[in-house]
């Protein structure tokens, strides 16, 4: 049975790397396949010509820019990687283009190649602080106006910033210092079945008297055992009781063809006299 969608053409990785090396003569730092996908590491100054070649070269034809992601490596001199995820619709193949950058070295914008890159570059700028030279609308897109810092950086502090929220009590937007509540991180390792002193939600119902018809905590097995202890079992008078009053003494006393000794005698003049046509006459 064939799959409803075509499978990813992973067998094109080697041919794609060779074609990319030929199409990007300058600026290609490294090219390899990892976890089934091709990675092309390109120098920042050659980014636009490299992406143009990947889009327009026959045999590559990566027409769509699917995503621009950012990665933070704080130990590197150029700590950020900007990753361009490309898709070739005609070849059913994907690859990633990596560009290294720092917070002071802007990356050329690719909005002239793919207009969709405008918002994607704004997300990377907002989350990581990477600048894009040539983006005519490089503003924050996910955080609030006036927000300081870039939340996806690994050294971004979790406290000490100001958050915005709408207050129902004050009926207005309020700015308050960020404080992450740690209520559920105070653990008491004493089991509640071993005499904990606190009251869990719902325990107060156990102190109330049970209403009529409430479910009993006694199991069905315990109820049966209690009945057995109060009433003694009585052996039946006959093995066939209550179907027979007395046991048969032998196989000859089956009573076949003989009236029952305690049976009612047949009436001499019954009310219904059967005729020749039967009972339906």
Protein backbone atom coordinates (compact mmCIF):
# COMPACT_ATOMS: atom_id res chain seq x y z
CA UNK A 1 0.00 0.00 0.00
CA UNK A 2 1.43 3.37 -0.97
CA UNK A 3 1.71 6.19 1.57
CA UNK A 4 -0.81 9.05 1.11
CA UNK A 5 2.06 11.57 1.14
CA UNK A 6 5.41 11.15 -0.60
CA UNK A 7 8.26 10.18 1.67
CA UNK A 8 11.12 12.55 2.36
CA UNK A 9 13.76 12.10 -0.35
CA UNK A 10 16.66 11.38 1.99
CA UNK A 11 18.48 9.52 -0.77
CA UNK A 12 19.13 12.87 -2.46
CA UNK A 13 21.43 14.14 0.32
CA UNK A 14 24.73 13.19 -1.29
CA UNK A 15 23.74 14.56 -4.70
CA UNK A 16 22.46 17.74 -3.05
CA UNK A 17 25.74 18.35 -1.22
CA UNK A 18 27.70 17.94 -4.44
CA UNK A 19 25.35 20.26 -6.32
CA UNK A 20 25.53 22.85 -3.52
CA UNK A 21 29.33 22.82 -3.55
CA UNK A 22 29.24 23.53 -7.27
CA UNK A 23 26.55 26.21 -7.02
CA UNK A 24 28.18 28.06 -4.08
CA UNK A 25 31.84 28.44 -5.04
CA UNK A 26 32.59 31.11 -2.38
CA UNK A 27 31.40 31.36 1.16
CA UNK A 28 30.50 27.70 1.74
CA UNK A 29 32.29 26.83 4.99
CA UNK A 30 31.09 23.24 5.38
CA UNK A 31 28.46 20.87 4.01
CA UNK A 32 27.42 17.53 5.47
CA UNK A 33 24.41 15.38 6.24
CA UNK A 34 23.38 14.88 9.85
CA UNK A 35 20.37 12.97 11.17
CA UNK A 36 19.20 12.50 7.61
CA UNK A 37 19.22 16.20 6.69
CA UNK A 38 21.70 18.35 4.84
CA UNK A 39 23.42 21.23 6.63
CA UNK A 40 25.20 23.97 4.70
CA UNK A 41 27.34 26.34 6.78
CA UNK A 42 27.76 29.60 4.89
CA UNK A 43 29.78 32.69 5.73
CA UNK A 44 27.65 35.65 6.69
CA UNK A 45 28.94 37.89 3.85
CA UNK A 46 27.95 35.31 1.20
CA UNK A 47 24.52 34.50 2.57
CA UNK A 48 22.37 36.23 -0.05
CA UNK A 49 24.28 34.89 -3.09
CA UNK A 50 24.23 31.39 -1.56
CA UNK A 51 20.49 31.41 -0.94
CA UNK A 52 19.88 32.84 -4.38
CA UNK A 53 21.87 29.98 -5.90
CA UNK A 54 19.97 27.41 -3.88
CA UNK A 55 16.67 28.89 -5.03
CA UNK A 56 17.44 29.42 -8.74
CA UNK A 57 19.94 26.70 -9.69
CA UNK A 58 18.34 23.87 -11.71
CA UNK A 59 18.68 20.64 -9.80
CA UNK A 60 18.46 22.39 -6.41
CA UNK A 61 15.33 24.59 -6.68
CA UNK A 62 14.64 25.34 -3.03
CA UNK A 63 11.75 27.65 -3.72
CA UNK A 64 10.28 28.02 -0.23
CA UNK A 65 11.73 29.50 2.94
CA UNK A 66 9.91 27.53 5.60
CA UNK A 67 11.45 28.95 8.79
CA UNK A 68 14.26 31.03 10.27
CA UNK A 69 15.42 29.78 13.65
CA UNK A 70 18.08 30.88 16.09
CA UNK A 71 20.47 28.91 18.29
CA UNK A 72 22.54 30.29 21.15
CA UNK A 73 26.02 28.95 21.92
CA UNK A 74 27.29 31.26 24.70
CA UNK A 75 30.80 29.77 24.69
CA UNK A 76 31.50 30.73 21.06
CA UNK A 77 32.87 34.13 19.97
CA UNK A 78 29.99 34.39 17.52
CA UNK A 79 27.46 32.84 19.85
CA UNK A 80 24.42 32.71 17.53
CA UNK A 81 23.50 30.51 14.62
CA UNK A 82 20.78 31.73 12.29
CA UNK A 83 19.27 28.71 10.56
CA UNK A 84 17.33 29.01 7.30
CA UNK A 85 15.06 26.01 6.60
CA UNK A 86 14.49 25.60 2.86
CA UNK A 87 12.14 23.28 0.98
CA UNK A 88 12.34 22.18 -2.64
CA UNK A 89 8.80 21.43 -3.69
CA UNK A 90 9.80 19.94 -7.02
CA UNK A 91 12.40 17.59 -5.50
CA UNK A 92 10.61 16.96 -2.18
CA UNK A 93 13.79 17.73 -0.27
CA UNK A 94 14.80 19.99 2.61
CA UNK A 95 18.06 21.45 3.87
CA UNK A 96 19.30 23.91 6.47
CA UNK A 97 21.61 26.84 5.89
CA UNK A 98 23.53 27.96 8.99
CA UNK A 99 25.07 31.40 9.43
CA UNK A 100 27.12 32.41 12.49
CA UNK A 101 26.64 35.86 14.01
CA UNK A 102 27.14 37.83 17.18
CA UNK A 103 25.00 40.50 18.75
CA UNK A 104 27.17 43.18 17.08
CA UNK A 105 27.52 41.68 13.60
CA UNK A 106 24.28 41.99 11.60
CA UNK A 107 23.19 39.29 9.19
CA UNK A 108 22.08 40.38 5.69
CA UNK A 109 18.31 40.32 5.36
CA UNK A 110 16.75 37.98 2.78
CA UNK A 111 13.46 39.83 2.53
CA UNK A 112 14.22 40.62 -1.12
CA UNK A 113 14.37 36.88 -1.86
CA UNK A 114 11.40 35.82 0.29
CA UNK A 115 9.08 38.54 1.63
CA UNK A 116 7.97 36.11 4.34
CA UNK A 117 11.41 36.50 5.89
CA UNK A 118 10.37 39.89 7.30
CA UNK A 119 8.41 38.51 10.24
CA UNK A 120 10.74 35.53 10.70
CA UNK A 121 13.74 37.85 11.07
CA UNK A 122 11.77 39.94 13.55
CA UNK A 123 11.17 36.84 15.68
CA UNK A 124 14.89 35.97 15.73
CA UNK A 125 15.72 39.57 16.60
CA UNK A 126 13.14 39.64 19.37
CA UNK A 127 14.12 36.31 20.94
CA UNK A 128 17.91 36.35 20.40
CA UNK A 129 18.87 39.94 19.60
CA UNK A 130 20.40 39.14 16.21
CA UNK A 131 20.37 42.16 13.90
CA UNK A 132 19.39 41.88 10.23
CA UNK A 133 20.82 44.49 7.90
CA UNK A 134 18.32 45.51 5.25
CA UNK A 135 15.14 44.59 7.12
CA UNK A 136 13.08 47.78 6.91
CA UNK A 137 10.78 46.85 9.80
CA UNK A 138 13.05 45.28 12.40
CA UNK A 139 10.86 45.64 15.49
CA UNK A 140 9.91 43.32 18.30
CA UNK A 141 7.09 41.03 17.32
CA UNK A 142 6.42 38.73 20.29
CA UNK A 143 7.35 40.69 23.40
CA UNK A 144 5.83 43.93 24.58
CA UNK A 145 6.91 47.43 23.62
CA UNK A 146 9.71 48.53 25.89
CA UNK A 147 10.65 44.95 26.82
CA UNK A 148 14.30 44.65 27.73
CA UNK A 149 16.37 41.60 26.90
CA UNK A 150 15.91 38.63 24.61
CA UNK A 151 14.17 35.68 26.26
CA UNK A 152 15.69 32.84 24.17
CA UNK A 153 19.23 33.67 25.14
CA UNK A 154 20.60 31.10 27.56
CA UNK A 155 21.80 33.81 29.94
CA UNK A 156 18.42 35.50 30.05
CA UNK A 157 17.47 35.80 33.75
CA UNK A 158 14.15 34.38 34.84
CA UNK A 159 13.57 37.11 37.42
CA UNK A 160 14.29 40.82 37.68
CA UNK A 161 12.29 41.92 34.63
CA UNK A 162 8.99 43.72 34.35
CA UNK A 163 5.91 41.97 33.07
CA UNK A 164 2.67 43.41 31.80
CA UNK A 165 -0.74 42.13 32.80
CA UNK A 166 -4.33 43.32 32.90
CA UNK A 167 -5.70 43.80 36.38
CA UNK A 168 -9.38 43.07 36.86
CA UNK A 169 -9.33 44.92 40.17
CA UNK A 170 -7.75 48.09 38.81
CA UNK A 171 -9.39 47.75 35.35
CA UNK A 172 -6.18 48.73 33.60
CA UNK A 173 -2.88 47.36 32.27
CA UNK A 174 -0.23 47.13 34.97
CA UNK A 175 3.54 46.69 34.84
CA UNK A 176 4.99 44.64 37.69
CA UNK A 177 8.34 42.96 38.41
CA UNK A 178 8.50 39.37 37.25
CA UNK A 179 8.39 36.98 40.18
CA UNK A 180 8.05 33.28 39.41
CA UNK A 181 5.91 31.65 42.04
CA UNK A 182 7.42 28.55 43.61
CA UNK A 183 4.43 27.44 45.66
CA UNK A 184 4.51 23.85 44.45
CA UNK A 185 8.23 23.41 45.02
CA UNK A 186 7.89 23.14 48.81
CA UNK A 187 7.80 19.40 49.21
CA UNK A 188 6.78 17.51 52.35
CA UNK A 189 8.00 13.97 51.95
CA UNK A 190 5.74 12.68 54.74
CA UNK A 191 3.04 10.48 53.33
CA UNK A 192 -0.50 11.65 54.13
CA UNK A 193 -1.24 8.06 55.26
CA UNK A 194 1.44 8.30 57.93
CA UNK A 195 0.04 11.14 59.96
CA UNK A 196 0.66 14.36 58.06
CA UNK A 197 -0.49 17.41 59.98
CA UNK A 198 -1.80 19.38 57.03
CA UNK A 199 -5.27 18.97 55.54
CA UNK A 200 -5.50 18.06 51.88
CA UNK A 201 -8.30 19.55 49.77
CA UNK A 202 -11.40 17.40 50.23
CA UNK A 203 -10.43 15.92 53.61
CA UNK A 204 -12.96 18.15 55.37
CA UNK A 205 -15.75 16.07 53.84
CA UNK A 206 -14.66 13.04 55.87
CA UNK A 207 -15.61 14.78 59.13
CA UNK A 208 -19.23 15.26 58.06
CA UNK A 209 -21.89 12.62 58.99
CA UNK A 210 -22.91 10.41 56.15
CA UNK A 211 -26.35 10.86 54.70
CA UNK A 212 -28.89 8.09 54.24
CA UNK A 213 -27.98 5.91 51.29
CA UNK A 214 -24.34 6.99 51.28
CA UNK A 215 -21.80 4.51 50.04
CA UNK A 216 -20.48 2.23 52.77
CA UNK A 217 -16.75 1.85 53.21
CA UNK A 218 -17.19 -1.89 53.88
CA UNK A 219 -16.40 -4.11 50.93
CA UNK A 220 -18.82 -6.65 49.48
CA UNK A 221 -16.62 -9.52 50.68
CA UNK A 222 -16.80 -8.29 54.24
CA UNK A 223 -20.58 -8.01 54.02
CA UNK A 224 -20.91 -11.64 52.89
CA UNK A 225 -18.69 -12.86 55.69
CA UNK A 226 -20.79 -10.97 58.24
CA UNK A 227 -24.00 -12.60 56.95
CA UNK A 228 -22.42 -16.03 57.13
CA UNK A 229 -21.49 -15.55 60.77
CA UNK A 230 -25.01 -14.50 61.83
CA UNK A 231 -27.08 -17.22 60.07
CA UNK A 232 -26.13 -20.88 60.22
CA UNK A 233 -26.46 -22.99 57.11
CA UNK A 234 -29.21 -25.69 57.16
CA UNK A 235 -28.77 -28.97 55.31
CA UNK A 236 -31.62 -29.76 52.86
CA UNK A 237 -33.96 -32.62 53.83
CA UNK A 238 -33.67 -34.17 50.37
CA UNK A 239 -31.17 -33.81 47.59
CA UNK A 240 -33.90 -32.69 45.14
CA UNK A 241 -35.70 -30.38 47.54
CA UNK A 242 -37.78 -28.30 46.84
CA UNK A 243 -38.64 -30.17 43.61
CA UNK A 244 -39.43 -33.45 45.38
CA UNK A 245 -40.82 -34.25 48.77
CA UNK A 246 -39.06 -37.63 49.06
CA UNK A 247 -36.20 -39.42 47.36
CA UNK A 248 -36.89 -42.27 44.94
CA UNK A 249 -36.02 -45.68 46.41
CA UNK A 250 -35.28 -47.41 43.06
CA UNK A 251 -35.47 -46.92 39.31
CA UNK A 252 -38.70 -48.99 39.20
CA UNK A 253 -40.51 -46.33 41.24
CA UNK A 254 -40.46 -43.67 38.52
CA UNK A 255 -44.27 -43.63 38.39
CA UNK A 256 -44.47 -43.84 34.60
CA UNK A 257 -48.10 -44.53 33.45
CA UNK A 258 -49.49 -44.37 36.97
CA UNK A 259 -51.43 -41.54 38.59
CA UNK A 260 -49.71 -39.62 41.27
CA UNK A 261 -50.82 -40.81 44.69
CA UNK A 262 -51.49 -37.26 45.81
CA UNK A 263 -52.85 -36.06 42.43
CA UNK A 264 -56.42 -34.69 41.89
CA UNK A 265 -58.85 -37.20 40.22
CA UNK A 266 -59.93 -36.34 36.62
CA UNK A 267 -63.44 -34.76 36.52
CA UNK A 268 -66.15 -36.99 35.07
CA UNK A 269 -67.94 -34.14 33.20
CA UNK A 270 -65.34 -31.62 31.95
CA UNK A 271 -66.57 -28.20 30.83
CA UNK A 272 -64.93 -28.44 27.40
CA UNK A 273 -65.83 -31.40 25.17
CA UNK A 274 -63.46 -31.73 22.20
CA UNK A 275 -65.25 -32.21 18.85
CA UNK A 276 -64.12 -33.51 15.47
CA UNK A 277 -62.63 -30.17 14.35
CA UNK A 278 -60.23 -29.89 17.27
CA UNK A 279 -59.79 -27.06 19.77
CA UNK A 280 -59.99 -24.32 17.08
CA UNK A 281 -63.43 -25.25 15.93
